[in-house]
Amino acid sequence: MSLELLEQAEQAVAESRFEDALTLALQAREIAPSDTSVLDMLADVYIELGDTNQAKLALTEGIRFDKTCDRILALAALSEGQEALMLFNSAAEKLAAEAASVEVIARNF
């Protein structure tokens, strides 16, 4: 059910129907509150609507469940000052760690 709502929200975004997309994404979140795809969609829709505070909350919630570099960087881009710097550094450290892991795996083959 949340997948259908998410697909409908994506379609609404593609058609620039952002209020409809928000309604659909919020319904999807009620069904699957820890689904990071839903939280990412919410963040995207809030950005389109100009509500950066709600976008940051959705991204922060998504990071709680899955700390990806993309999500951290998106949150950093919406942040300012020390908070933005801390988030960019966090993403850089995560990328460096992932690169080191890939290098170790590649050496073992």
C-alpha atoms as a PDB file:
ATOM      1  CA  MET A   1       0.000   0.000   0.000  1.00  0.00           C
ATOM      2  CA  SER A   2       2.754   2.508   0.879  1.00  0.00           C
ATOM      3  CA  LEU A   3       4.523   1.626  -2.391  1.00  0.00           C
ATOM      4  CA  GLU A   4       1.394   2.552  -4.363  1.00  0.00           C
ATOM      5  CA  LEU A   5       1.097   5.828  -2.471  1.00  0.00           C
ATOM      6  CA  LEU A   6       4.774   6.550  -3.041  1.00  0.00           C
ATOM      7  CA  GLU A   7       4.405   5.915  -6.780  1.00  0.00           C
ATOM      8  CA  GLN A   8       1.371   8.208  -6.871  1.00  0.00           C
ATOM      9  CA  ALA A   9       3.355  10.863  -4.990  1.00  0.00           C
ATOM     10  CA  GLU A  10       6.209  10.546  -7.502  1.00  0.00           C
ATOM     11  CA  GLN A  11       3.727  11.007 -10.341  1.00  0.00           C
ATOM     12  CA  ALA A  12       2.250  14.056  -8.630  1.00  0.00           C
ATOM     13  CA  VAL A  13       5.758  15.549  -8.285  1.00  0.00           C
ATOM     14  CA  ALA A  14       6.439  14.869 -11.970  1.00  0.00           C
ATOM     15  CA  GLU A  15       3.263  16.805 -12.763  1.00  0.00           C
ATOM     16  CA  SER A  16       4.200  19.636 -10.344  1.00  0.00           C
ATOM     17  CA  ARG A  17       1.218  18.815  -8.107  1.00  0.00           C
ATOM     18  CA  PHE A  18       3.228  19.242  -4.923  1.00  0.00           C
ATOM     19  CA  GLU A  19       0.312  19.605  -2.491  1.00  0.00           C
ATOM     20  CA  ASP A  20      -1.129  16.322  -3.777  1.00  0.00           C
ATOM     21  CA  ALA A  21       2.309  14.730  -3.530  1.00  0.00           C
ATOM     22  CA  LEU A  22       2.588  15.893   0.075  1.00  0.00           C
ATOM     23  CA  THR A  23      -0.796  14.414   0.982  1.00  0.00           C
ATOM     24  CA  LEU A  24       0.144  11.075  -0.614  1.00  0.00           C
ATOM     25  CA  ALA A  25       3.607  10.992   0.990  1.00  0.00           C
ATOM     26  CA  LEU A  26       2.144  11.764   4.415  1.00  0.00           C
ATOM     27  CA  GLN A  27      -0.344   8.919   3.975  1.00  0.00           C
ATOM     28  CA  ALA A  28       2.526   6.612   2.996  1.00  0.00           C
ATOM     29  CA  ARG A  29       4.450   7.658   6.112  1.00  0.00           C
ATOM     30  CA  GLU A  30       1.479   6.735   8.294  1.00  0.00           C
ATOM     31  CA  ILE A  31       1.620   3.217   6.844  1.00  0.00           C
ATOM     32  CA  ALA A  32       5.414   2.867   6.812  1.00  0.00           C
ATOM     33  CA  PRO A  33       6.982   5.431   9.178  1.00  0.00           C
ATOM     34  CA  SER A  34      10.492   3.969   8.908  1.00  0.00           C
ATOM     35  CA  ASP A  35      10.532   3.612   5.102  1.00  0.00           C
ATOM     36  CA  THR A  36      13.405   5.821   4.011  1.00  0.00           C
ATOM     37  CA  SER A  37      12.031   6.079   0.458  1.00  0.00           C
ATOM     38  CA  VAL A  38       8.905   7.674   1.884  1.00  0.00           C
ATOM     39  CA  LEU A  39      10.952  10.004   4.097  1.00  0.00           C
ATOM     40  CA  ASP A  40      13.123  11.003   1.134  1.00  0.00           C
ATOM     41  CA  MET A  41       9.994  11.733  -0.911  1.00  0.00           C
ATOM     42  CA  LEU A  42       8.640  13.856   1.923  1.00  0.00           C
ATOM     43  CA  ALA A  43      11.900  15.809   2.044  1.00  0.00           C
ATOM     44  CA  ASP A  44      11.826  16.356  -1.725  1.00  0.00           C
ATOM     45  CA  VAL A  45       8.217  17.542  -1.661  1.00  0.00           C
ATOM     46  CA  TYR A  46       8.831  19.872   1.275  1.00  0.00           C
ATOM     47  CA  ILE A  47      11.793  21.365  -0.609  1.00  0.00           C
ATOM     48  CA  GLU A  48       9.592  21.930  -3.656  1.00  0.00           C
ATOM     49  CA  LEU A  49       7.039  23.625  -1.418  1.00  0.00           C
ATOM     50  CA  GLY A  50       9.768  25.812   0.136  1.00  0.00           C
ATOM     51  CA  ASP A  51       9.435  24.315   3.613  1.00  0.00           C
ATOM     52  CA  THR A  52      13.079  23.618   4.420  1.00  0.00           C
ATOM     53  CA  ASN A  53      12.404  23.050   8.115  1.00  0.00           C
ATOM     54  CA  GLN A  54      10.057  20.139   7.394  1.00  0.00           C
ATOM     55  CA  ALA A  55      12.472  18.853   4.723  1.00  0.00           C
ATOM     56  CA  LYS A  56      15.267  18.829   7.301  1.00  0.00           C
ATOM     57  CA  LEU A  57      13.058  16.942   9.759  1.00  0.00           C
ATOM     58  CA  ALA A  58      12.227  14.300   7.136  1.00  0.00           C
ATOM     59  CA  LEU A  59      15.904  13.910   6.200  1.00  0.00           C
ATOM     60  CA  THR A  60      16.930  13.692   9.859  1.00  0.00           C
ATOM     61  CA  GLU A  61      14.346  10.969  10.407  1.00  0.00           C
ATOM     62  CA  GLY A  62      15.639   9.124   7.335  1.00  0.00           C
ATOM     63  CA  ILE A  63      19.207   9.338   8.642  1.00  0.00           C
ATOM     64  CA  ARG A  64      18.014   7.734  11.868  1.00  0.00           C
ATOM     65  CA  PHE A  65      17.023   4.640   9.892  1.00  0.00           C
ATOM     66  CA  ASP A  66      19.693   4.643   7.155  1.00  0.00           C
ATOM     67  CA  LYS A  67      22.683   6.958   7.341  1.00  0.00           C
ATOM     68  CA  THR A  68      23.544   7.336   3.643  1.00  0.00           C
ATOM     69  CA  CYS A  69      25.928   9.959   2.303  1.00  0.00           C
ATOM     70  CA  ASP A  70      23.257  11.257  -0.070  1.00  0.00           C
ATOM     71  CA  ARG A  71      20.856  11.880   2.793  1.00  0.00           C
ATOM     72  CA  ILE A  72      23.555  13.507   4.945  1.00  0.00           C
ATOM     73  CA  LEU A  73      24.641  15.754   2.063  1.00  0.00           C
ATOM     74  CA  ALA A  74      21.049  16.753   1.327  1.00  0.00           C
ATOM     75  CA  LEU A  75      20.600  17.724   4.972  1.00  0.00           C
ATOM     76  CA  ALA A  76      23.905  19.617   4.925  1.00  0.00           C
ATOM     77  CA  ALA A  77      22.784  21.560   1.856  1.00  0.00           C
ATOM     78  CA  LEU A  78      19.697  22.734   3.765  1.00  0.00           C
ATOM     79  CA  SER A  79      21.706  23.624   6.854  1.00  0.00           C
ATOM     80  CA  GLU A  80      23.855  26.607   7.730  1.00  0.00           C
ATOM     81  CA  GLY A  81      27.037  27.401   9.590  1.00  0.00           C
ATOM     82  CA  GLN A  82      28.562  24.884  11.960  1.00  0.00           C
ATOM     83  CA  GLU A  83      25.700  22.435  11.470  1.00  0.00           C
ATOM     84  CA  ALA A  84      26.310  22.345   7.707  1.00  0.00           C
ATOM     85  CA  LEU A  85      30.056  21.970   8.192  1.00  0.00           C
ATOM     86  CA  MET A  86      29.582  19.127  10.675  1.00  0.00           C
ATOM     87  CA  LEU A  87      27.251  17.319   8.269  1.00  0.00           C
ATOM     88  CA  PHE A  88      29.577  17.786   5.269  1.00  0.00           C
ATOM     89  CA  ASN A  89      32.464  16.438   7.372  1.00  0.00           C
ATOM     90  CA  SER A  90      30.337  13.477   8.472  1.00  0.00           C
ATOM     91  CA  ALA A  91      29.527  12.663   4.854  1.00  0.00           C
ATOM     92  CA  ALA A  92      33.179  12.996   3.860  1.00  0.00           C
ATOM     93  CA  GLU A  93      34.258  10.641   6.658  1.00  0.00           C
ATOM     94  CA  LYS A  94      31.605   8.126   5.643  1.00  0.00           C
ATOM     95  CA  LEU A  95      32.704   8.279   2.003  1.00  0.00           C
ATOM     96  CA  ALA A  96      36.353   7.828   3.006  1.00  0.00           C
ATOM     97  CA  ALA A  97      35.461   4.799   5.123  1.00  0.00           C
ATOM     98  CA  GLU A  98      33.433   3.293   2.288  1.00  0.00           C
ATOM     99  CA  ALA A  99      36.288   3.896  -0.158  1.00  0.00           C
ATOM    100  CA  ALA A 100      38.734   2.188   2.217  1.00  0.00           C
ATOM    101  CA  SER A 101      36.400  -0.808   2.506  1.00  0.00           C
ATOM    102  CA  VAL A 102      36.154  -1.107  -1.253  1.00  0.00           C
ATOM    103  CA  GLU A 103      39.933  -0.900  -1.519  1.00  0.00           C
ATOM    104  CA  VAL A 104      40.368  -3.717   1.022  1.00  0.00           C
ATOM    105  CA  ILE A 105      37.842  -5.889  -0.809  1.00  0.00           C
ATOM    106  CA  ALA A 106      39.520  -5.196  -4.151  1.00  0.00           C
ATOM    107  CA  ARG A 107      42.941  -6.190  -2.761  1.00  0.00           C
ATOM    108  CA  ASN A 108      41.543  -9.493  -1.526  1.00  0.00           C
ATOM    109  CA  PHE A 109      40.387 -10.551  -4.991  1.00  0.00           C
END
